[in-house]
Amino acid sequence: MARPVTREVKLKNGFYLELRRRGEHKGMKIWRESKVQIDMAIRRYENTYDVHYFGEVMNGKVVK
Protein backbone atom coordinates (compact mmCIF):
# COMPACT_ATOMS: atom_id res chain seq x y z
CA MET A 1 0.00 0.00 0.00
CA ALA A 2 1.32 3.46 -0.87
CA ARG A 3 1.76 6.43 1.40
CA PRO A 4 -0.97 9.09 1.26
CA VAL A 5 -0.23 12.43 -0.38
CA THR A 6 1.06 15.00 2.10
CA ARG A 7 1.41 17.95 -0.26
CA GLU A 8 -1.45 20.18 -1.28
CA VAL A 9 -2.63 19.73 -4.86
CA LYS A 10 -1.92 22.75 -7.10
CA LEU A 11 -4.62 23.46 -9.66
CA LYS A 12 -3.80 24.96 -13.05
CA ASN A 13 -5.33 28.28 -14.06
CA GLY A 14 -8.59 27.75 -15.92
CA PHE A 15 -12.12 26.47 -15.37
CA TYR A 16 -13.03 23.30 -13.47
CA LEU A 17 -16.01 21.02 -13.11
CA GLU A 18 -16.45 17.73 -11.31
CA LEU A 19 -18.15 14.70 -12.81
CA ARG A 20 -19.76 12.22 -10.42
CA ARG A 21 -21.67 9.07 -11.15
CA ARG A 22 -25.21 9.24 -9.87
CA GLY A 23 -25.22 8.68 -6.10
CA GLU A 24 -21.43 8.83 -5.67
CA HIS A 25 -19.60 11.23 -3.35
CA LYS A 26 -16.27 11.42 -5.18
CA GLY A 27 -15.69 12.26 -8.80
CA MET A 28 -13.13 13.35 -11.33
CA LYS A 29 -12.17 16.95 -12.04
CA ILE A 30 -12.21 18.21 -15.61
CA TRP A 31 -10.13 21.27 -16.59
CA ARG A 32 -10.75 23.54 -19.59
CA GLU A 33 -9.04 26.77 -20.69
CA SER A 34 -12.11 28.89 -21.46
CA LYS A 35 -15.70 29.39 -20.35
CA VAL A 36 -16.97 28.37 -23.81
CA GLN A 37 -15.14 25.04 -23.58
CA ILE A 38 -16.46 24.35 -20.08
CA ASP A 39 -20.03 25.08 -21.21
CA MET A 40 -19.61 22.56 -24.04
CA ALA A 41 -18.26 19.97 -21.55
CA ILE A 42 -21.21 20.54 -19.21
CA ARG A 43 -23.67 19.93 -22.05
CA ARG A 44 -21.73 16.84 -23.13
CA TYR A 45 -21.64 15.13 -19.72
CA GLU A 46 -24.90 16.26 -18.07
CA ASN A 47 -26.91 13.28 -19.38
CA THR A 48 -24.67 10.58 -17.90
CA TYR A 49 -23.07 12.23 -14.82
CA ASP A 50 -23.92 14.62 -12.02
CA VAL A 51 -22.00 17.74 -13.05
CA HIS A 52 -20.76 20.18 -10.39
CA TYR A 53 -19.24 23.43 -11.68
CA PHE A 54 -16.41 24.77 -9.47
CA GLY A 55 -15.63 27.96 -11.33
CA GLU A 56 -12.48 29.71 -12.45
CA VAL A 57 -9.16 29.02 -10.72
CA MET A 58 -6.45 31.71 -10.67
CA ASN A 59 -3.11 31.14 -8.91
CA GLY A 60 -4.39 28.00 -7.18
CA LYS A 61 -7.55 29.60 -5.72
CA VAL A 62 -11.17 29.59 -6.89
CA VAL A 63 -12.33 33.02 -8.09
CA LYS A 64 -15.96 33.84 -7.31
C-alpha atoms as a PDB file:
ATOM      1  CA  MET A   1       0.000   0.000   0.000  1.00  0.00           C
ATOM      2  CA  ALA A   2       1.321   3.461  -0.873  1.00  0.00           C
ATOM      3  CA  ARG A   3       1.758   6.431   1.397  1.00  0.00           C
ATOM      4  CA  PRO A   4      -0.968   9.085   1.260  1.00  0.00           C
ATOM      5  CA  VAL A   5      -0.230  12.426  -0.376  1.00  0.00           C
ATOM      6  CA  THR A   6       1.063  14.996   2.103  1.00  0.00           C
ATOM      7  CA  ARG A   7       1.407  17.951  -0.258  1.00  0.00           C
ATOM      8  CA  GLU A   8      -1.447  20.182  -1.276  1.00  0.00           C
ATOM      9  CA  VAL A   9      -2.629  19.728  -4.865  1.00  0.00           C
ATOM     10  CA  LYS A  10      -1.916  22.747  -7.098  1.00  0.00           C
ATOM     11  CA  LEU A  11      -4.620  23.461  -9.658  1.00  0.00           C
ATOM     12  CA  LYS A  12      -3.798  24.961 -13.048  1.00  0.00           C
ATOM     13  CA  ASN A  13      -5.331  28.280 -14.063  1.00  0.00           C
ATOM     14  CA  GLY A  14      -8.586  27.749 -15.923  1.00  0.00           C
ATOM     15  CA  PHE A  15     -12.116  26.466 -15.372  1.00  0.00           C
ATOM     16  CA  TYR A  16     -13.026  23.300 -13.467  1.00  0.00           C
ATOM     17  CA  LEU A  17     -16.005  21.018 -13.106  1.00  0.00           C
ATOM     18  CA  GLU A  18     -16.453  17.730 -11.307  1.00  0.00           C
ATOM     19  CA  LEU A  19     -18.151  14.697 -12.811  1.00  0.00           C
ATOM     20  CA  ARG A  20     -19.757  12.215 -10.418  1.00  0.00           C
ATOM     21  CA  ARG A  21     -21.671   9.071 -11.146  1.00  0.00           C
ATOM     22  CA  ARG A  22     -25.208   9.243  -9.872  1.00  0.00           C
ATOM     23  CA  GLY A  23     -25.224   8.684  -6.103  1.00  0.00           C
ATOM     24  CA  GLU A  24     -21.427   8.834  -5.670  1.00  0.00           C
ATOM     25  CA  HIS A  25     -19.600  11.233  -3.346  1.00  0.00           C
ATOM     26  CA  LYS A  26     -16.273  11.423  -5.185  1.00  0.00           C
ATOM     27  CA  GLY A  27     -15.693  12.262  -8.799  1.00  0.00           C
ATOM     28  CA  MET A  28     -13.133  13.351 -11.328  1.00  0.00           C
ATOM     29  CA  LYS A  29     -12.173  16.947 -12.039  1.00  0.00           C
ATOM     30  CA  ILE A  30     -12.211  18.213 -15.612  1.00  0.00           C
ATOM     31  CA  TRP A  31     -10.131  21.265 -16.591  1.00  0.00           C
ATOM     32  CA  ARG A  32     -10.747  23.544 -19.585  1.00  0.00           C
ATOM     33  CA  GLU A  33      -9.039  26.772 -20.689  1.00  0.00           C
ATOM     34  CA  SER A  34     -12.105  28.887 -21.465  1.00  0.00           C
ATOM     35  CA  LYS A  35     -15.698  29.390 -20.352  1.00  0.00           C
ATOM     36  CA  VAL A  36     -16.972  28.371 -23.809  1.00  0.00           C
ATOM     37  CA  GLN A  37     -15.137  25.036 -23.584  1.00  0.00           C
ATOM     38  CA  ILE A  38     -16.456  24.354 -20.080  1.00  0.00           C
ATOM     39  CA  ASP A  39     -20.031  25.080 -21.212  1.00  0.00           C
ATOM     40  CA  MET A  40     -19.606  22.556 -24.036  1.00  0.00           C
ATOM     41  CA  ALA A  41     -18.261  19.975 -21.552  1.00  0.00           C
ATOM     42  CA  ILE A  42     -21.215  20.541 -19.210  1.00  0.00           C
ATOM     43  CA  ARG A  43     -23.672  19.935 -22.052  1.00  0.00           C
ATOM     44  CA  ARG A  44     -21.732  16.836 -23.130  1.00  0.00           C
ATOM     45  CA  TYR A  45     -21.644  15.126 -19.723  1.00  0.00           C
ATOM     46  CA  GLU A  46     -24.902  16.257 -18.066  1.00  0.00           C
ATOM     47  CA  ASN A  47     -26.912  13.279 -19.384  1.00  0.00           C
ATOM     48  CA  THR A  48     -24.668  10.582 -17.900  1.00  0.00           C
ATOM     49  CA  TYR A  49     -23.069  12.232 -14.822  1.00  0.00           C
ATOM     50  CA  ASP A  50     -23.921  14.620 -12.020  1.00  0.00           C
ATOM     51  CA  VAL A  51     -22.005  17.741 -13.053  1.00  0.00           C
ATOM     52  CA  HIS A  52     -20.763  20.184 -10.388  1.00  0.00           C
ATOM     53  CA  TYR A  53     -19.243  23.431 -11.684  1.00  0.00           C
ATOM     54  CA  PHE A  54     -16.412  24.768  -9.475  1.00  0.00           C
ATOM     55  CA  GLY A  55     -15.633  27.964 -11.333  1.00  0.00           C
ATOM     56  CA  GLU A  56     -12.476  29.708 -12.451  1.00  0.00           C
ATOM     57  CA  VAL A  57      -9.159  29.022 -10.719  1.00  0.00           C
ATOM     58  CA  MET A  58      -6.453  31.715 -10.670  1.00  0.00           C
ATOM     59  CA  ASN A  59      -3.110  31.135  -8.911  1.00  0.00           C
ATOM     60  CA  GLY A  60      -4.394  27.997  -7.183  1.00  0.00           C
ATOM     61  CA  LYS A  61      -7.553  29.603  -5.716  1.00  0.00           C
ATOM     62  CA  VAL A  62     -11.171  29.594  -6.888  1.00  0.00           C
ATOM     63  CA  VAL A  63     -12.330  33.017  -8.092  1.00  0.00           C
ATOM     64  CA  LYS A  64     -15.957  33.838  -7.312  1.00  0.00           C
END
